[in-house]
Amino acid sequence: MKTLYIHGLDSHPIPEKNKIMKKAGLEPTALHISYREKLGVYETLKDTAIRKKIEFIIGSSLGGYIGNVIAEDLGLPCLLFNPAMNYTDVFYSKIPIIDDPKCLARFVVLGKHDPSINPHYTAKVFTEKKNNKIDQRIITCHWLEHEIDFRTFEEMVNWAVSSMKIKK
């Protein structure tokens, strides 16, 4: 499954996470995004998703927020780690509001002890976004802060991928 991985603010694609995604049967594309410097981040990522025929999005923090909007826009399933749902603008890129979200499966992983992204606020946002068309699952990990360790990343990628296979 062709996958777009979108890293968080001041981060970068990590080779170990690419290996984990490949091991789960995914074909990852992971761009390095300089959010503070790049113009049109949303447009670049959406265009990449269309051009590469992406079937699944994984995003973390700011990348989770943008990944969710792209998933809603293009009708793709997504796995979001501590998505920064309090953003409305990403520095030099206006993120659109999707009036008719088409995302059919959304898996959200929250760190209970995240000092950067309030997990209660994020869960509330997604609970309010829930509709009958979407298979949405939210998990709060009691051991997790903001950074996603490799073991948790692997477990959650496998959870989302296997959940999507069962649904098909």
C-alpha atoms as a PDB file:
ATOM      1  CA  MET A   1       0.000   0.000   0.000  1.00  0.00           C
ATOM      2  CA  LYS A   2       1.516   3.307  -1.092  1.00  0.00           C
ATOM      3  CA  THR A   3       1.920   5.452   2.031  1.00  0.00           C
ATOM      4  CA  LEU A   4       2.775   9.097   2.610  1.00  0.00           C
ATOM      5  CA  TYR A   5       4.577   9.647   5.919  1.00  0.00           C
ATOM      6  CA  ILE A   6       4.480  13.253   7.164  1.00  0.00           C
ATOM      7  CA  HIS A   7       6.844  14.099  10.024  1.00  0.00           C
ATOM      8  CA  GLY A   8       6.293  16.756  12.673  1.00  0.00           C
ATOM      9  CA  LEU A   9       7.577  20.293  13.119  1.00  0.00           C
ATOM     10  CA  ASP A  10      11.369  20.590  13.408  1.00  0.00           C
ATOM     11  CA  SER A  11      11.686  16.867  12.705  1.00  0.00           C
ATOM     12  CA  HIS A  12      12.621  14.775   9.684  1.00  0.00           C
ATOM     13  CA  PRO A  13      11.908  11.335   8.201  1.00  0.00           C
ATOM     14  CA  ILE A  14      13.620   8.690  10.330  1.00  0.00           C
ATOM     15  CA  PRO A  15      15.073   5.662   8.487  1.00  0.00           C
ATOM     16  CA  GLU A  16      13.983   3.239  11.241  1.00  0.00           C
ATOM     17  CA  LYS A  17      10.347   4.292  10.773  1.00  0.00           C
ATOM     18  CA  ASN A  18      10.664   3.703   7.014  1.00  0.00           C
ATOM     19  CA  LYS A  19      11.922   0.188   7.790  1.00  0.00           C
ATOM     20  CA  ILE A  20       8.982  -0.419  10.128  1.00  0.00           C
ATOM     21  CA  MET A  21       6.500   0.739   7.491  1.00  0.00           C
ATOM     22  CA  LYS A  22       8.104  -1.498   4.843  1.00  0.00           C
ATOM     23  CA  LYS A  23       8.041  -4.465   7.244  1.00  0.00           C
ATOM     24  CA  ALA A  24       4.272  -3.866   7.663  1.00  0.00           C
ATOM     25  CA  GLY A  25       3.839  -4.147   3.887  1.00  0.00           C
ATOM     26  CA  LEU A  26       3.700  -0.416   3.152  1.00  0.00           C
ATOM     27  CA  GLU A  27       5.555   1.468   0.411  1.00  0.00           C
ATOM     28  CA  PRO A  28       6.491   4.706   2.187  1.00  0.00           C
ATOM     29  CA  THR A  29       7.181   8.091   0.670  1.00  0.00           C
ATOM     30  CA  ALA A  30       8.629  10.469   3.243  1.00  0.00           C
ATOM     31  CA  LEU A  31       9.578  14.009   2.277  1.00  0.00           C
ATOM     32  CA  HIS A  32      11.697  16.256   4.462  1.00  0.00           C
ATOM     33  CA  ILE A  33       9.603  19.370   5.109  1.00  0.00           C
ATOM     34  CA  SER A  34      11.066  22.612   6.466  1.00  0.00           C
ATOM     35  CA  TYR A  35       7.749  23.909   7.797  1.00  0.00           C
ATOM     36  CA  ARG A  36       9.243  27.206   8.984  1.00  0.00           C
ATOM     37  CA  GLU A  37      10.750  27.991   5.561  1.00  0.00           C
ATOM     38  CA  LYS A  38       8.736  26.199   2.851  1.00  0.00           C
ATOM     39  CA  LEU A  39       5.868  27.916   1.087  1.00  0.00           C
ATOM     40  CA  GLY A  40       2.761  25.850   0.279  1.00  0.00           C
ATOM     41  CA  VAL A  41       3.433  22.810   2.464  1.00  0.00           C
ATOM     42  CA  TYR A  42      -0.158  21.578   2.240  1.00  0.00           C
ATOM     43  CA  GLU A  43      -0.244  21.979  -1.520  1.00  0.00           C
ATOM     44  CA  THR A  44       3.106  20.191  -1.917  1.00  0.00           C
ATOM     45  CA  LEU A  45       2.017  17.236   0.217  1.00  0.00           C
ATOM     46  CA  LYS A  46      -1.413  16.944  -1.403  1.00  0.00           C
ATOM     47  CA  ASP A  47       0.163  17.089  -4.868  1.00  0.00           C
ATOM     48  CA  THR A  48       2.655  14.380  -3.827  1.00  0.00           C
ATOM     49  CA  ALA A  49      -0.213  12.195  -2.593  1.00  0.00           C
ATOM     50  CA  ILE A  50      -2.056  12.561  -5.888  1.00  0.00           C
ATOM     51  CA  ARG A  51       1.004  12.179  -8.112  1.00  0.00           C
ATOM     52  CA  LYS A  52       2.294   9.074  -6.291  1.00  0.00           C
ATOM     53  CA  LYS A  53      -1.191   7.533  -5.997  1.00  0.00           C
ATOM     54  CA  ILE A  54      -0.957   7.388  -2.206  1.00  0.00           C
ATOM     55  CA  GLU A  55      -3.423   5.010  -0.530  1.00  0.00           C
ATOM     56  CA  PHE A  56      -2.663   5.637   3.165  1.00  0.00           C
ATOM     57  CA  ILE A  57      -1.306   8.547   5.203  1.00  0.00           C
ATOM     58  CA  ILE A  58       0.697   8.400   8.417  1.00  0.00           C
ATOM     59  CA  GLY A  59       1.427  11.681  10.168  1.00  0.00           C
ATOM     60  CA  SER A  60       2.927  12.805  13.431  1.00  0.00           C
ATOM     61  CA  SER A  61       2.183  16.016  15.344  1.00  0.00           C
ATOM     62  CA  LEU A  62       2.008  18.859  12.792  1.00  0.00           C
ATOM     63  CA  GLY A  63       2.327  16.195  10.094  1.00  0.00           C
ATOM     64  CA  GLY A  64      -0.654  14.451  11.689  1.00  0.00           C
ATOM     65  CA  TYR A  65      -2.741  17.586  11.451  1.00  0.00           C
ATOM     66  CA  ILE A  66      -1.850  18.115   7.784  1.00  0.00           C
ATOM     67  CA  GLY A  67      -2.191  14.400   7.062  1.00  0.00           C
ATOM     68  CA  ASN A  68      -5.702  14.388   8.491  1.00  0.00           C
ATOM     69  CA  VAL A  69      -6.772  17.264   6.242  1.00  0.00           C
ATOM     70  CA  ILE A  70      -5.283  15.576   3.164  1.00  0.00           C
ATOM     71  CA  ALA A  71      -7.012  12.305   4.127  1.00  0.00           C
ATOM     72  CA  GLU A  72     -10.331  14.135   4.492  1.00  0.00           C
ATOM     73  CA  ASP A  73      -9.791  15.947   1.201  1.00  0.00           C
ATOM     74  CA  LEU A  74      -8.737  12.913  -0.876  1.00  0.00           C
ATOM     75  CA  GLY A  75     -10.747  10.199   0.891  1.00  0.00           C
ATOM     76  CA  LEU A  76      -7.744   8.284   2.238  1.00  0.00           C
ATOM     77  CA  PRO A  77      -7.368   6.296   5.460  1.00  0.00           C
ATOM     78  CA  CYS A  78      -4.896   7.749   7.940  1.00  0.00           C
ATOM     79  CA  LEU A  79      -2.930   6.954  11.077  1.00  0.00           C
ATOM     80  CA  LEU A  80      -2.215  10.033  13.177  1.00  0.00           C
ATOM     81  CA  PHE A  81       0.233  10.223  16.075  1.00  0.00           C
ATOM     82  CA  ASN A  82      -0.425  13.112  18.487  1.00  0.00           C
ATOM     83  CA  PRO A  83      -1.879  15.280  15.706  1.00  0.00           C
ATOM     84  CA  ALA A  84      -1.563  19.024  16.362  1.00  0.00           C
ATOM     85  CA  MET A  85      -5.251  19.809  15.818  1.00  0.00           C
ATOM     86  CA  ASN A  86      -4.906  23.309  17.286  1.00  0.00           C
ATOM     87  CA  TYR A  87      -3.186  24.605  14.136  1.00  0.00           C
ATOM     88  CA  THR A  88      -5.121  26.479  11.466  1.00  0.00           C
ATOM     89  CA  ASP A  89      -2.192  27.911   9.542  1.00  0.00           C
ATOM     90  CA  VAL A  90       1.156  26.262   9.028  1.00  0.00           C
ATOM     91  CA  PHE A  91       3.573  29.154   8.812  1.00  0.00           C
ATOM     92  CA  TYR A  92       3.463  29.946   5.073  1.00  0.00           C
ATOM     93  CA  SER A  93       0.724  27.478   4.081  1.00  0.00           C
ATOM     94  CA  LYS A  94      -2.995  27.988   4.563  1.00  0.00           C
ATOM     95  CA  ILE A  95      -4.643  24.699   5.433  1.00  0.00           C
ATOM     96  CA  PRO A  96      -8.158  24.417   3.987  1.00  0.00           C
ATOM     97  CA  ILE A  97     -11.250  23.449   5.929  1.00  0.00           C
ATOM     98  CA  ILE A  98     -12.802  20.398   4.295  1.00  0.00           C
ATOM     99  CA  ASP A  99     -16.575  20.859   4.304  1.00  0.00           C
ATOM    100  CA  ASP A 100     -17.372  17.330   3.119  1.00  0.00           C
ATOM    101  CA  PRO A 101     -14.693  15.015   4.558  1.00  0.00           C
ATOM    102  CA  LYS A 102     -14.199  11.828   2.557  1.00  0.00           C
ATOM    103  CA  CYS A 103     -11.810   9.961   4.900  1.00  0.00           C
ATOM    104  CA  LEU A 104     -13.310   6.523   5.616  1.00  0.00           C
ATOM    105  CA  ALA A 105     -10.837   5.243   8.249  1.00  0.00           C
ATOM    106  CA  ARG A 106      -8.917   7.254  10.826  1.00  0.00           C
ATOM    107  CA  PHE A 107      -6.684   5.810  13.537  1.00  0.00           C
ATOM    108  CA  VAL A 108      -5.544   8.295  16.174  1.00  0.00           C
ATOM    109  CA  VAL A 109      -2.792   7.549  18.695  1.00  0.00           C
ATOM    110  CA  LEU A 110      -2.472   9.924  21.641  1.00  0.00           C
ATOM    111  CA  GLY A 111       0.200  10.090  24.312  1.00  0.00           C
ATOM    112  CA  LYS A 112      -1.432  10.503  27.707  1.00  0.00           C
ATOM    113  CA  HIS A 113       1.607  12.419  28.982  1.00  0.00           C
ATOM    114  CA  ASP A 114       2.191  14.568  25.898  1.00  0.00           C
ATOM    115  CA  PRO A 115       3.417  18.005  27.072  1.00  0.00           C
ATOM    116  CA  SER A 116       3.112  19.520  23.557  1.00  0.00           C
ATOM    117  CA  ILE A 117      -0.297  18.386  22.290  1.00  0.00           C
ATOM    118  CA  ASN A 118      -3.188  18.151  24.748  1.00  0.00           C
ATOM    119  CA  PRO A 119      -4.573  14.608  24.289  1.00  0.00           C
ATOM    120  CA  HIS A 120      -7.959  15.512  25.825  1.00  0.00           C
ATOM    121  CA  TYR A 121      -8.443  18.405  23.412  1.00  0.00           C
ATOM    122  CA  THR A 122      -7.408  16.246  20.457  1.00  0.00           C
ATOM    123  CA  ALA A 123      -9.769  13.428  21.458  1.00  0.00           C
ATOM    124  CA  LYS A 124     -12.592  15.989  21.778  1.00  0.00           C
ATOM    125  CA  VAL A 125     -11.876  17.377  18.286  1.00  0.00           C
ATOM    126  CA  PHE A 126     -12.048  13.916  16.740  1.00  0.00           C
ATOM    127  CA  THR A 127     -15.126  12.915  18.730  1.00  0.00           C
ATOM    128  CA  GLU A 128     -16.868  15.998  17.328  1.00  0.00           C
ATOM    129  CA  LYS A 129     -15.647  15.168  13.780  1.00  0.00           C
ATOM    130  CA  LYS A 130     -16.984  11.592  14.007  1.00  0.00           C
ATOM    131  CA  ASN A 131     -19.764  10.649  11.621  1.00  0.00           C
ATOM    132  CA  ASN A 132     -21.420   7.415  10.533  1.00  0.00           C
ATOM    133  CA  LYS A 133     -19.335   7.168   7.337  1.00  0.00           C
ATOM    134  CA  ILE A 134     -15.964   6.955   9.074  1.00  0.00           C
ATOM    135  CA  ASP A 135     -14.367   4.067  10.916  1.00  0.00           C
ATOM    136  CA  GLN A 136     -12.587   6.084  13.571  1.00  0.00           C
ATOM    137  CA  ARG A 137     -10.564   4.629  16.415  1.00  0.00           C
ATOM    138  CA  ILE A 138      -8.772   6.633  19.082  1.00  0.00           C
ATOM    139  CA  ILE A 139      -6.282   5.071  21.455  1.00  0.00           C
ATOM    140  CA  THR A 140      -4.591   6.801  24.375  1.00  0.00           C
ATOM    141  CA  CYS A 141      -1.255   5.244  25.291  1.00  0.00           C
ATOM    142  CA  HIS A 142      -0.567   5.653  29.012  1.00  0.00           C
ATOM    143  CA  TRP A 143       3.200   5.239  28.527  1.00  0.00           C
ATOM    144  CA  LEU A 144       3.542   7.776  25.739  1.00  0.00           C
ATOM    145  CA  GLU A 145       4.572  11.413  25.673  1.00  0.00           C
ATOM    146  CA  HIS A 146       4.971  13.390  22.438  1.00  0.00           C
ATOM    147  CA  GLU A 147       7.809  11.470  20.826  1.00  0.00           C
ATOM    148  CA  ILE A 148       6.826   8.122  19.350  1.00  0.00           C
ATOM    149  CA  ASP A 149       9.237   5.329  20.227  1.00  0.00           C
ATOM    150  CA  PHE A 150       9.924   2.692  17.585  1.00  0.00           C
ATOM    151  CA  ARG A 151       8.094  -0.106  19.409  1.00  0.00           C
ATOM    152  CA  THR A 152       4.904   1.961  19.715  1.00  0.00           C
ATOM    153  CA  PHE A 153       5.237   3.155  16.115  1.00  0.00           C
ATOM    154  CA  GLU A 154       5.523  -0.436  14.904  1.00  0.00           C
ATOM    155  CA  GLU A 155       2.603  -1.668  17.044  1.00  0.00           C
ATOM    156  CA  MET A 156       0.307   1.138  15.908  1.00  0.00           C
ATOM    157  CA  VAL A 157       1.245   0.833  12.218  1.00  0.00           C
ATOM    158  CA  ASN A 158       0.510  -2.900  12.384  1.00  0.00           C
ATOM    159  CA  TRP A 159      -2.776  -2.213  14.239  1.00  0.00           C
ATOM    160  CA  ALA A 160      -3.967   0.234  11.583  1.00  0.00           C
ATOM    161  CA  VAL A 161      -2.851  -1.910   8.643  1.00  0.00           C
ATOM    162  CA  SER A 162      -4.453  -5.072  10.047  1.00  0.00           C
ATOM    163  CA  SER A 163      -7.660  -3.174  10.896  1.00  0.00           C
ATOM    164  CA  MET A 164      -7.909  -1.953   7.307  1.00  0.00           C
ATOM    165  CA  LYS A 165      -7.339  -5.480   5.948  1.00  0.00           C
ATOM    166  CA  ILE A 166     -10.099  -6.883   8.160  1.00  0.00           C
ATOM    167  CA  LYS A 167     -12.508  -4.193   6.995  1.00  0.00           C
ATOM    168  CA  LYS A 168     -11.926  -4.947   3.274  1.00  0.00           C
END
